[in-house]
Amino acid sequence: MESFSVVMMGPFSSYLEEELDKRFKLFRYWKSPNKEEFLKENSNSITALIAGGVGADSETIDLLPKLEIVSSFSVGLDKVDLNKCKEKGIRVTNTPDVLTEDVADLAIGLILTTLRKICESDRYVRNGLWTKGSYKLTTKFSGKSVGILGMGRIGSAVAKRAEAFGCPISYCATSEKPDLNYRYYPSVLELAKNCQILVVVCPLTEETYHIVNREVIEAVGPKGIIVNIGRGPHIDEPELVSALVEGRLGGAGLDVFENEPQVPEQLFGLDNVVLLPHVGSGTLETRKDMADLVIGNLEAHFLKKPLLSPVV
């Protein structure tokens, strides 16, 4: 398939890059000093685009008239202009299922690490403070009420894990799911008022942008925590920061931020916050599976076979 030209928008995975290089003519977008000129120069040959942290916005798509497929190295599609793709007949795929377990595992890890202050406890030992006295008491996880914003694959996997800790589960989603025994709330504010731990894991859309606003944060309150494994813009970040600094929110476990990789410096000195560099799916096993799914979708498309994980 060396005759097919594929542009990879960023260094998402060295394994993916190597495997694409073996199969296709690979263009490395991130290495070009003038990215717009690079796309224009190769516009008549590029037929596939690999999106990730950098995606396929309307302007990029318009620069590539031969583009046939966008394969996202992610389950999220907020970096892909789906309407433009539909308009131009461009196929879109993503990587669902293969990253569900890792992201759900990390959500539980963030809950435990935030409530039990694992990071701070580690620093306490490393800094030699244990010899000067016992560490302070923290907060238990088992039995706490967990509210999940978004009850798709990952939300369901988080709920299953939280159930094992004896946690009552409730959720807010676009519609109630009759096959679930969890309590449903039609609004995120109602959900926040009725849980001690709010886990954000819904897709990022115009409707879910800043869905966790000041009112929602206040509802979770000074004894509750918010865990975000979805996308940074789900939360009004300045409101979150001020609530944490002022003690109006008990704590937060954050894997994603509004302007990655920039993180508000006010968070760095807080011991009620756990900060991760967007590593929800970041295991060797899952990233390989994601890469294989990206490649499998491209091969299926060019061989005119059914796509493995079609979105559009």
C-alpha atoms as a PDB file:
ATOM      1  CA  MET A   1       0.000   0.000   0.000  1.00  0.00           C
ATOM      2  CA  GLU A   2       3.018   2.243  -0.398  1.00  0.00           C
ATOM      3  CA  SER A   3       1.164   4.206  -3.056  1.00  0.00           C
ATOM      4  CA  PHE A   4      -1.243   5.665  -0.466  1.00  0.00           C
ATOM      5  CA  SER A   5      -0.117   8.860   1.251  1.00  0.00           C
ATOM      6  CA  VAL A   6      -0.935   9.337   4.938  1.00  0.00           C
ATOM      7  CA  VAL A   7      -0.265  12.419   7.063  1.00  0.00           C
ATOM      8  CA  MET A   8       0.272  11.948  10.794  1.00  0.00           C
ATOM      9  CA  MET A   9      -0.491  15.192  12.600  1.00  0.00           C
ATOM     10  CA  GLY A  10       1.667  14.662  15.686  1.00  0.00           C
ATOM     11  CA  PRO A  11       4.090  12.236  17.354  1.00  0.00           C
ATOM     12  CA  PHE A  12       1.261  10.362  19.033  1.00  0.00           C
ATOM     13  CA  SER A  13       3.004   6.983  19.090  1.00  0.00           C
ATOM     14  CA  SER A  14       6.428   5.834  17.915  1.00  0.00           C
ATOM     15  CA  TYR A  15       5.021   2.362  17.259  1.00  0.00           C
ATOM     16  CA  LEU A  16       2.218   3.800  15.129  1.00  0.00           C
ATOM     17  CA  GLU A  17       4.697   5.953  13.234  1.00  0.00           C
ATOM     18  CA  GLU A  18       6.939   2.958  12.502  1.00  0.00           C
ATOM     19  CA  GLU A  19       4.072   0.757  11.371  1.00  0.00           C
ATOM     20  CA  LEU A  20       2.599   3.464   9.134  1.00  0.00           C
ATOM     21  CA  ASP A  21       6.026   3.982   7.593  1.00  0.00           C
ATOM     22  CA  LYS A  22       6.158   0.292   6.660  1.00  0.00           C
ATOM     23  CA  ARG A  23       2.800   0.335   4.917  1.00  0.00           C
ATOM     24  CA  PHE A  24       2.241   3.774   3.428  1.00  0.00           C
ATOM     25  CA  LYS A  25       3.985   6.892   2.230  1.00  0.00           C
ATOM     26  CA  LEU A  26       4.039   8.747   5.542  1.00  0.00           C
ATOM     27  CA  PHE A  27       4.107  12.518   5.954  1.00  0.00           C
ATOM     28  CA  ARG A  28       5.087  13.835   9.400  1.00  0.00           C
ATOM     29  CA  TYR A  29       3.124  17.056   9.783  1.00  0.00           C
ATOM     30  CA  TRP A  30       4.660  18.082  13.116  1.00  0.00           C
ATOM     31  CA  LYS A  31       8.182  18.162  11.680  1.00  0.00           C
ATOM     32  CA  SER A  32       7.385  20.774   9.038  1.00  0.00           C
ATOM     33  CA  PRO A  33       8.502  24.341   9.875  1.00  0.00           C
ATOM     34  CA  ASN A  34       5.650  25.827   7.802  1.00  0.00           C
ATOM     35  CA  LYS A  35       2.721  23.520   8.367  1.00  0.00           C
ATOM     36  CA  GLU A  36       0.166  25.229   6.119  1.00  0.00           C
ATOM     37  CA  GLU A  37       2.600  25.316   3.204  1.00  0.00           C
ATOM     38  CA  PHE A  38       3.460  21.690   3.878  1.00  0.00           C
ATOM     39  CA  LEU A  39      -0.179  20.666   3.517  1.00  0.00           C
ATOM     40  CA  LYS A  40      -0.646  22.768   0.389  1.00  0.00           C
ATOM     41  CA  GLU A  41       2.444  21.277  -1.228  1.00  0.00           C
ATOM     42  CA  ASN A  42       1.214  17.728  -0.618  1.00  0.00           C
ATOM     43  CA  SER A  43      -2.503  18.359  -0.958  1.00  0.00           C
ATOM     44  CA  ASN A  44      -2.906  16.331  -4.139  1.00  0.00           C
ATOM     45  CA  SER A  45      -1.378  13.174  -2.707  1.00  0.00           C
ATOM     46  CA  ILE A  46      -2.587  12.940   0.909  1.00  0.00           C
ATOM     47  CA  THR A  47      -5.622  10.671   1.132  1.00  0.00           C
ATOM     48  CA  ALA A  48      -5.596   9.818   4.852  1.00  0.00           C
ATOM     49  CA  LEU A  49      -5.020  11.788   8.046  1.00  0.00           C
ATOM     50  CA  ILE A  50      -4.132  10.492  11.514  1.00  0.00           C
ATOM     51  CA  ALA A  51      -5.531  12.783  14.194  1.00  0.00           C
ATOM     52  CA  GLY A  52      -4.847  12.860  17.922  1.00  0.00           C
ATOM     53  CA  GLY A  53      -3.917  15.809  20.116  1.00  0.00           C
ATOM     54  CA  VAL A  54      -3.777  17.690  16.805  1.00  0.00           C
ATOM     55  CA  GLY A  55      -6.751  16.971  14.640  1.00  0.00           C
ATOM     56  CA  ALA A  56      -8.623  17.655  11.462  1.00  0.00           C
ATOM     57  CA  ASP A  57     -10.317  21.028  11.756  1.00  0.00           C
ATOM     58  CA  SER A  58     -12.252  22.660   8.946  1.00  0.00           C
ATOM     59  CA  GLU A  59      -9.256  24.615   7.634  1.00  0.00           C
ATOM     60  CA  THR A  60      -7.032  21.536   7.507  1.00  0.00           C
ATOM     61  CA  ILE A  61      -9.682  19.495   5.726  1.00  0.00           C
ATOM     62  CA  ASP A  62     -10.166  22.251   3.130  1.00  0.00           C
ATOM     63  CA  LEU A  63      -6.427  22.172   2.378  1.00  0.00           C
ATOM     64  CA  LEU A  64      -6.614  18.461   1.488  1.00  0.00           C
ATOM     65  CA  PRO A  65      -8.985  17.958  -1.466  1.00  0.00           C
ATOM     66  CA  LYS A  66      -7.991  14.290  -1.904  1.00  0.00           C
ATOM     67  CA  LEU A  67      -8.626  13.362   1.718  1.00  0.00           C
ATOM     68  CA  GLU A  68     -10.727  10.194   2.020  1.00  0.00           C
ATOM     69  CA  ILE A  69     -10.420   9.160   5.674  1.00  0.00           C
ATOM     70  CA  VAL A  70      -9.564  10.608   9.076  1.00  0.00           C
ATOM     71  CA  SER A  71      -8.455   7.986  11.590  1.00  0.00           C
ATOM     72  CA  SER A  72      -8.355   9.322  15.140  1.00  0.00           C
ATOM     73  CA  PHE A  73      -5.777   7.912  17.560  1.00  0.00           C
ATOM     74  CA  SER A  74      -8.278   8.525  20.342  1.00  0.00           C
ATOM     75  CA  VAL A  75     -11.819   7.678  21.345  1.00  0.00           C
ATOM     76  CA  GLY A  76     -12.623  11.399  21.575  1.00  0.00           C
ATOM     77  CA  LEU A  77     -13.572  13.240  18.402  1.00  0.00           C
ATOM     78  CA  ASP A  78     -13.412  16.846  19.587  1.00  0.00           C
ATOM     79  CA  LYS A  79     -10.342  17.442  17.387  1.00  0.00           C
ATOM     80  CA  VAL A  80     -12.174  16.357  14.223  1.00  0.00           C
ATOM     81  CA  ASP A  81     -14.723  18.515  12.393  1.00  0.00           C
ATOM     82  CA  LEU A  82     -17.326  15.813  11.882  1.00  0.00           C
ATOM     83  CA  ASN A  83     -19.745  18.079  10.036  1.00  0.00           C
ATOM     84  CA  LYS A  84     -17.080  19.045   7.499  1.00  0.00           C
ATOM     85  CA  CYS A  85     -16.171  15.378   7.047  1.00  0.00           C
ATOM     86  CA  LYS A  86     -19.806  14.445   6.442  1.00  0.00           C
ATOM     87  CA  GLU A  87     -20.173  17.331   4.000  1.00  0.00           C
ATOM     88  CA  LYS A  88     -17.168  16.161   1.978  1.00  0.00           C
ATOM     89  CA  GLY A  89     -17.855  12.431   2.259  1.00  0.00           C
ATOM     90  CA  ILE A  90     -14.723  11.782   4.316  1.00  0.00           C
ATOM     91  CA  ARG A  91     -14.817   8.653   6.477  1.00  0.00           C
ATOM     92  CA  VAL A  92     -13.925   8.990  10.173  1.00  0.00           C
ATOM     93  CA  THR A  93     -12.809   6.309  12.611  1.00  0.00           C
ATOM     94  CA  ASN A  94     -11.671   6.334  16.238  1.00  0.00           C
ATOM     95  CA  THR A  95     -10.353   3.848  18.803  1.00  0.00           C
ATOM     96  CA  PRO A  96     -13.217   2.870  21.139  1.00  0.00           C
ATOM     97  CA  ASP A  97     -13.221  -0.108  23.505  1.00  0.00           C
ATOM     98  CA  VAL A  98      -9.468  -0.761  23.467  1.00  0.00           C
ATOM     99  CA  LEU A  99      -8.776   2.083  25.918  1.00  0.00           C
ATOM    100  CA  THR A 100     -11.866   1.739  28.109  1.00  0.00           C
ATOM    101  CA  GLU A 101     -10.303  -0.354  30.861  1.00  0.00           C
ATOM    102  CA  ASP A 102      -7.173   1.770  31.236  1.00  0.00           C
ATOM    103  CA  VAL A 103      -9.092   5.036  31.482  1.00  0.00           C
ATOM    104  CA  ALA A 104     -11.540   3.562  33.977  1.00  0.00           C
ATOM    105  CA  ASP A 105      -8.641   2.175  36.036  1.00  0.00           C
ATOM    106  CA  LEU A 106      -7.086   5.622  36.114  1.00  0.00           C
ATOM    107  CA  ALA A 107     -10.344   7.215  37.281  1.00  0.00           C
ATOM    108  CA  ILE A 108     -10.351   4.937  40.323  1.00  0.00           C
ATOM    109  CA  GLY A 109      -6.664   5.645  40.833  1.00  0.00           C
ATOM    110  CA  LEU A 110      -7.333   9.381  40.832  1.00  0.00           C
ATOM    111  CA  ILE A 111     -10.166   8.992  43.330  1.00  0.00           C
ATOM    112  CA  LEU A 112      -8.013   6.969  45.711  1.00  0.00           C
ATOM    113  CA  THR A 113      -4.966   9.169  45.266  1.00  0.00           C
ATOM    114  CA  THR A 114      -6.958  12.344  45.889  1.00  0.00           C
ATOM    115  CA  LEU A 115      -8.930  11.103  48.891  1.00  0.00           C
ATOM    116  CA  ARG A 116      -6.068   9.215  50.541  1.00  0.00           C
ATOM    117  CA  LYS A 117      -3.495  11.895  49.583  1.00  0.00           C
ATOM    118  CA  ILE A 118      -1.110   9.285  48.213  1.00  0.00           C
ATOM    119  CA  CYS A 119       1.129  11.775  46.407  1.00  0.00           C
ATOM    120  CA  GLU A 120       1.496  13.974  49.465  1.00  0.00           C
ATOM    121  CA  SER A 121       2.086  10.944  51.687  1.00  0.00           C
ATOM    122  CA  ASP A 122       4.857   9.820  49.359  1.00  0.00           C
ATOM    123  CA  ARG A 123       6.519  13.240  49.598  1.00  0.00           C
ATOM    124  CA  TYR A 124       6.122  13.115  53.390  1.00  0.00           C
ATOM    125  CA  VAL A 125       8.215   9.955  53.533  1.00  0.00           C
ATOM    126  CA  ARG A 126      10.769  11.072  50.941  1.00  0.00           C
ATOM    127  CA  ASN A 127      11.338  14.362  52.757  1.00  0.00           C
ATOM    128  CA  GLY A 128      12.142  12.561  56.004  1.00  0.00           C
ATOM    129  CA  LEU A 129       9.097  13.919  57.829  1.00  0.00           C
ATOM    130  CA  TRP A 130       7.802  10.568  59.084  1.00  0.00           C
ATOM    131  CA  THR A 131      10.537  10.469  61.739  1.00  0.00           C
ATOM    132  CA  LYS A 132       9.095  13.696  63.147  1.00  0.00           C
ATOM    133  CA  GLY A 133       5.548  12.441  63.524  1.00  0.00           C
ATOM    134  CA  SER A 134       2.713  10.440  62.003  1.00  0.00           C
ATOM    135  CA  TYR A 135       1.011  11.610  58.842  1.00  0.00           C
ATOM    136  CA  LYS A 136      -2.413  13.256  59.116  1.00  0.00           C
ATOM    137  CA  LEU A 137      -5.639  11.321  58.631  1.00  0.00           C
ATOM    138  CA  THR A 138      -7.226  11.267  55.177  1.00  0.00           C
ATOM    139  CA  THR A 139     -10.658  10.347  53.741  1.00  0.00           C
ATOM    140  CA  LYS A 140     -11.977   6.888  52.839  1.00  0.00           C
ATOM    141  CA  PHE A 141     -13.280   5.965  49.384  1.00  0.00           C
ATOM    142  CA  SER A 142     -15.361   2.857  50.133  1.00  0.00           C
ATOM    143  CA  GLY A 143     -19.045   3.652  50.463  1.00  0.00           C
ATOM    144  CA  LYS A 144     -18.829   7.186  49.071  1.00  0.00           C
ATOM    145  CA  SER A 145     -21.559   8.137  46.587  1.00  0.00           C
ATOM    146  CA  VAL A 146     -20.173   8.416  43.046  1.00  0.00           C
ATOM    147  CA  GLY A 147     -21.856  10.494  40.338  1.00  0.00           C
ATOM    148  CA  ILE A 148     -20.768   9.836  36.764  1.00  0.00           C
ATOM    149  CA  LEU A 149     -21.245  12.487  34.105  1.00  0.00           C
ATOM    150  CA  GLY A 150     -21.478  10.435  30.931  1.00  0.00           C
ATOM    151  CA  MET A 151     -22.510   6.775  30.944  1.00  0.00           C
ATOM    152  CA  GLY A 152     -20.911   5.408  27.800  1.00  0.00           C
ATOM    153  CA  ARG A 153     -18.305   2.651  27.637  1.00  0.00           C
ATOM    154  CA  ILE A 154     -15.864   4.332  30.001  1.00  0.00           C
ATOM    155  CA  GLY A 155     -18.514   5.658  32.372  1.00  0.00           C
ATOM    156  CA  SER A 156     -19.973   2.159  32.684  1.00  0.00           C
ATOM    157  CA  ALA A 157     -16.520   0.727  33.383  1.00  0.00           C
ATOM    158  CA  VAL A 158     -15.919   3.339  36.099  1.00  0.00           C
ATOM    159  CA  ALA A 159     -19.283   2.507  37.661  1.00  0.00           C
ATOM    160  CA  LYS A 160     -18.483  -1.210  37.715  1.00  0.00           C
ATOM    161  CA  ARG A 161     -15.213  -0.543  39.527  1.00  0.00           C
ATOM    162  CA  ALA A 162     -16.774   1.874  42.004  1.00  0.00           C
ATOM    163  CA  GLU A 163     -19.471  -0.682  42.814  1.00  0.00           C
ATOM    164  CA  ALA A 164     -16.712  -3.015  44.000  1.00  0.00           C
ATOM    165  CA  PHE A 165     -15.890  -0.373  46.641  1.00  0.00           C
ATOM    166  CA  GLY A 166     -19.478  -0.432  47.882  1.00  0.00           C
ATOM    167  CA  CYS A 167     -20.244   2.959  46.354  1.00  0.00           C
ATOM    168  CA  PRO A 168     -23.810   3.988  45.457  1.00  0.00           C
ATOM    169  CA  ILE A 169     -23.769   5.018  41.785  1.00  0.00           C
ATOM    170  CA  SER A 170     -25.743   7.724  40.019  1.00  0.00           C
ATOM    171  CA  TYR A 171     -25.302   9.272  36.610  1.00  0.00           C
ATOM    172  CA  CYS A 172     -26.261  11.995  34.176  1.00  0.00           C
ATOM    173  CA  ALA A 173     -26.309  11.321  30.437  1.00  0.00           C
ATOM    174  CA  THR A 174     -28.148  12.490  27.342  1.00  0.00           C
ATOM    175  CA  SER A 175     -30.918  10.020  28.220  1.00  0.00           C
ATOM    176  CA  GLU A 176     -31.773   7.496  30.909  1.00  0.00           C
ATOM    177  CA  LYS A 177     -30.547   3.964  30.284  1.00  0.00           C
ATOM    178  CA  PRO A 178     -33.333   1.582  31.387  1.00  0.00           C
ATOM    179  CA  ASP A 179     -31.010  -1.424  31.588  1.00  0.00           C
ATOM    180  CA  LEU A 180     -29.000   0.194  34.410  1.00  0.00           C
ATOM    181  CA  ASN A 181     -29.887  -0.005  38.075  1.00  0.00           C
ATOM    182  CA  TYR A 182     -28.119   3.272  38.887  1.00  0.00           C
ATOM    183  CA  ARG A 183     -29.984   6.439  39.874  1.00  0.00           C
ATOM    184  CA  TYR A 184     -30.455   8.775  36.896  1.00  0.00           C
ATOM    185  CA  TYR A 185     -30.436  12.572  37.123  1.00  0.00           C
ATOM    186  CA  PRO A 186     -31.454  14.628  34.079  1.00  0.00           C
ATOM    187  CA  SER A 187     -29.048  17.466  34.892  1.00  0.00           C
ATOM    188  CA  VAL A 188     -25.443  17.631  36.020  1.00  0.00           C
ATOM    189  CA  LEU A 189     -26.426  20.049  38.791  1.00  0.00           C
ATOM    190  CA  GLU A 190     -28.830  17.512  40.296  1.00  0.00           C
ATOM    191  CA  LEU A 191     -26.150  14.861  39.978  1.00  0.00           C
ATOM    192  CA  ALA A 192     -23.589  17.073  41.734  1.00  0.00           C
ATOM    193  CA  LYS A 193     -25.991  17.786  44.596  1.00  0.00           C
ATOM    194  CA  ASN A 194     -26.399  14.081  45.212  1.00  0.00           C
ATOM    195  CA  CYS A 195     -22.866  12.707  45.090  1.00  0.00           C
ATOM    196  CA  GLN A 196     -19.634  13.035  47.029  1.00  0.00           C
ATOM    197  CA  ILE A 197     -17.412  12.199  44.065  1.00  0.00           C
ATOM    198  CA  LEU A 198     -18.197  13.582  40.611  1.00  0.00           C
ATOM    199  CA  VAL A 199     -16.446  11.780  37.736  1.00  0.00           C
ATOM    200  CA  VAL A 200     -16.451  13.597  34.384  1.00  0.00           C
ATOM    201  CA  VAL A 201     -16.185  11.259  31.406  1.00  0.00           C
ATOM    202  CA  CYS A 202     -18.648  12.515  28.764  1.00  0.00           C
ATOM    203  CA  PRO A 203     -17.705  13.447  25.163  1.00  0.00           C
ATOM    204  CA  LEU A 204     -16.698  17.061  24.562  1.00  0.00           C
ATOM    205  CA  THR A 205     -19.340  18.841  22.476  1.00  0.00           C
ATOM    206  CA  GLU A 206     -20.775  22.337  22.315  1.00  0.00           C
ATOM    207  CA  GLU A 207     -23.345  21.221  24.893  1.00  0.00           C
ATOM    208  CA  THR A 208     -20.768  19.835  27.334  1.00  0.00           C
ATOM    209  CA  TYR A 209     -18.283  22.712  27.095  1.00  0.00           C
ATOM    210  CA  HIS A 210     -17.918  24.101  30.660  1.00  0.00           C
ATOM    211  CA  ILE A 211     -20.776  21.854  31.745  1.00  0.00           C
ATOM    212  CA  VAL A 212     -19.089  21.744  35.153  1.00  0.00           C
ATOM    213  CA  ASN A 213     -19.476  25.420  36.038  1.00  0.00           C
ATOM    214  CA  ARG A 214     -19.369  27.370  39.294  1.00  0.00           C
ATOM    215  CA  GLU A 215     -22.834  26.209  40.346  1.00  0.00           C
ATOM    216  CA  VAL A 216     -21.968  22.554  39.795  1.00  0.00           C
ATOM    217  CA  ILE A 217     -18.648  22.913  41.631  1.00  0.00           C
ATOM    218  CA  GLU A 218     -20.420  24.578  44.569  1.00  0.00           C
ATOM    219  CA  ALA A 219     -22.902  21.693  44.626  1.00  0.00           C
ATOM    220  CA  VAL A 220     -20.109  19.129  44.990  1.00  0.00           C
ATOM    221  CA  GLY A 221     -18.866  21.270  47.851  1.00  0.00           C
ATOM    222  CA  PRO A 222     -15.991  21.406  50.349  1.00  0.00           C
ATOM    223  CA  LYS A 223     -16.293  17.736  51.311  1.00  0.00           C
ATOM    224  CA  GLY A 224     -16.552  16.431  47.746  1.00  0.00           C
ATOM    225  CA  ILE A 225     -14.094  15.895  44.916  1.00  0.00           C
ATOM    226  CA  ILE A 226     -14.203  16.140  41.135  1.00  0.00           C
ATOM    227  CA  VAL A 227     -12.303  13.744  38.892  1.00  0.00           C
ATOM    228  CA  ASN A 228     -11.908  14.641  35.219  1.00  0.00           C
ATOM    229  CA  ILE A 229     -10.821  11.938  32.776  1.00  0.00           C
ATOM    230  CA  GLY A 230     -12.821  13.385  29.885  1.00  0.00           C
ATOM    231  CA  ARG A 231     -11.556  16.626  28.364  1.00  0.00           C
ATOM    232  CA  GLY A 232     -10.258  19.778  30.029  1.00  0.00           C
ATOM    233  CA  PRO A 233     -12.919  22.132  28.622  1.00  0.00           C
ATOM    234  CA  HIS A 234     -15.660  20.136  30.331  1.00  0.00           C
ATOM    235  CA  ILE A 235     -14.796  22.186  33.425  1.00  0.00           C
ATOM    236  CA  ASP A 236     -14.687  25.958  33.772  1.00  0.00           C
ATOM    237  CA  GLU A 237     -11.050  25.866  34.827  1.00  0.00           C
ATOM    238  CA  PRO A 238     -10.739  29.308  36.481  1.00  0.00           C
ATOM    239  CA  GLU A 239     -13.809  28.496  38.593  1.00  0.00           C
ATOM    240  CA  LEU A 240     -12.336  25.135  39.537  1.00  0.00           C
ATOM    241  CA  VAL A 241      -9.026  26.710  40.524  1.00  0.00           C
ATOM    242  CA  SER A 242     -10.619  29.377  42.688  1.00  0.00           C
ATOM    243  CA  ALA A 243     -12.881  26.825  44.383  1.00  0.00           C
ATOM    244  CA  LEU A 244      -9.891  24.632  45.232  1.00  0.00           C
ATOM    245  CA  VAL A 245      -7.771  27.533  46.437  1.00  0.00           C
ATOM    246  CA  GLU A 246     -10.588  28.906  48.597  1.00  0.00           C
ATOM    247  CA  GLY A 247     -11.638  25.519  49.966  1.00  0.00           C
ATOM    248  CA  ARG A 248     -15.094  25.587  48.392  1.00  0.00           C
ATOM    249  CA  LEU A 249     -14.278  22.246  46.730  1.00  0.00           C
ATOM    250  CA  GLY A 250     -12.708  19.435  48.720  1.00  0.00           C
ATOM    251  CA  GLY A 251     -10.325  18.209  46.044  1.00  0.00           C
ATOM    252  CA  ALA A 252      -9.769  17.238  42.430  1.00  0.00           C
ATOM    253  CA  GLY A 253      -8.069  14.516  40.422  1.00  0.00           C
ATOM    254  CA  LEU A 254      -7.287  15.863  36.959  1.00  0.00           C
ATOM    255  CA  ASP A 255      -5.882  14.024  33.957  1.00  0.00           C
ATOM    256  CA  VAL A 256      -6.954  16.706  31.474  1.00  0.00           C
ATOM    257  CA  PHE A 257      -6.812  20.506  31.308  1.00  0.00           C
ATOM    258  CA  GLU A 258      -8.327  23.278  29.267  1.00  0.00           C
ATOM    259  CA  ASN A 259      -5.148  24.469  27.524  1.00  0.00           C
ATOM    260  CA  GLU A 260      -2.857  21.450  27.512  1.00  0.00           C
ATOM    261  CA  PRO A 261       0.001  21.197  28.189  1.00  0.00           C
ATOM    262  CA  GLN A 262      -0.443  24.437  30.146  1.00  0.00           C
ATOM    263  CA  VAL A 263      -1.706  23.880  33.692  1.00  0.00           C
ATOM    264  CA  PRO A 264      -2.731  26.705  36.060  1.00  0.00           C
ATOM    265  CA  GLU A 265       0.227  27.328  38.347  1.00  0.00           C
ATOM    266  CA  GLN A 266      -2.107  28.019  41.279  1.00  0.00           C
ATOM    267  CA  LEU A 267      -2.722  24.263  41.402  1.00  0.00           C
ATOM    268  CA  PHE A 268       0.930  23.326  41.876  1.00  0.00           C
ATOM    269  CA  GLY A 269       1.075  24.184  45.554  1.00  0.00           C
ATOM    270  CA  LEU A 270      -2.211  22.563  46.562  1.00  0.00           C
ATOM    271  CA  ASP A 271      -2.199  19.254  48.422  1.00  0.00           C
ATOM    272  CA  ASN A 272      -5.867  18.542  47.644  1.00  0.00           C
ATOM    273  CA  VAL A 273      -5.233  18.158  43.909  1.00  0.00           C
ATOM    274  CA  VAL A 274      -3.663  15.355  41.859  1.00  0.00           C
ATOM    275  CA  LEU A 275      -2.357  16.438  38.453  1.00  0.00           C
ATOM    276  CA  LEU A 276      -1.616  14.023  35.596  1.00  0.00           C
ATOM    277  CA  PRO A 277      -0.369  14.812  32.051  1.00  0.00           C
ATOM    278  CA  HIS A 278      -3.337  13.343  30.090  1.00  0.00           C
ATOM    279  CA  VAL A 279      -2.291   9.713  30.456  1.00  0.00           C
ATOM    280  CA  GLY A 280      -5.679   7.997  30.686  1.00  0.00           C
ATOM    281  CA  SER A 281      -4.902   5.540  27.889  1.00  0.00           C
ATOM    282  CA  GLY A 282      -1.153   5.775  28.394  1.00  0.00           C
ATOM    283  CA  THR A 283      -0.072   2.176  28.839  1.00  0.00           C
ATOM    284  CA  LEU A 284       2.167   0.260  26.465  1.00  0.00           C
ATOM    285  CA  GLU A 285      -0.513  -2.347  25.878  1.00  0.00           C
ATOM    286  CA  THR A 286      -3.359   0.037  25.125  1.00  0.00           C
ATOM    287  CA  ARG A 287      -1.386   2.440  22.965  1.00  0.00           C
ATOM    288  CA  LYS A 288      -0.300  -0.524  20.809  1.00  0.00           C
ATOM    289  CA  ASP A 289      -3.911  -1.688  20.531  1.00  0.00           C
ATOM    290  CA  MET A 290      -4.988   1.830  19.584  1.00  0.00           C
ATOM    291  CA  ALA A 291      -2.281   2.042  16.924  1.00  0.00           C
ATOM    292  CA  ASP A 292      -3.235  -1.349  15.512  1.00  0.00           C
ATOM    293  CA  LEU A 293      -6.866  -0.215  15.268  1.00  0.00           C
ATOM    294  CA  VAL A 294      -5.844   2.978  13.451  1.00  0.00           C
ATOM    295  CA  ILE A 295      -3.819   0.932  10.963  1.00  0.00           C
ATOM    296  CA  GLY A 296      -6.570  -1.662  10.602  1.00  0.00           C
ATOM    297  CA  ASN A 297      -9.082   1.039   9.712  1.00  0.00           C
ATOM    298  CA  LEU A 298      -6.762   2.532   7.096  1.00  0.00           C
ATOM    299  CA  GLU A 299      -6.061  -0.849   5.517  1.00  0.00           C
ATOM    300  CA  ALA A 300      -9.766  -1.701   5.474  1.00  0.00           C
ATOM    301  CA  HIS A 301     -10.562   1.606   3.789  1.00  0.00           C
ATOM    302  CA  PHE A 302      -7.932   1.305   1.083  1.00  0.00           C
ATOM    303  CA  LEU A 303      -8.855  -2.335   0.442  1.00  0.00           C
ATOM    304  CA  LYS A 304     -12.522  -1.273   0.220  1.00  0.00           C
ATOM    305  CA  LYS A 305     -13.505  -3.450   3.172  1.00  0.00           C
ATOM    306  CA  PRO A 306     -15.830  -2.499   6.059  1.00  0.00           C
ATOM    307  CA  LEU A 307     -14.169  -0.154   8.559  1.00  0.00           C
ATOM    308  CA  LEU A 308     -13.395  -1.640  11.972  1.00  0.00           C
ATOM    309  CA  SER A 309     -14.640   1.303  14.073  1.00  0.00           C
ATOM    310  CA  PRO A 310     -16.498   3.775  11.865  1.00  0.00           C
ATOM    311  CA  VAL A 311     -17.871   7.058  13.189  1.00  0.00           C
ATOM    312  CA  VAL A 312     -18.836   8.734   9.895  1.00  0.00           C
END
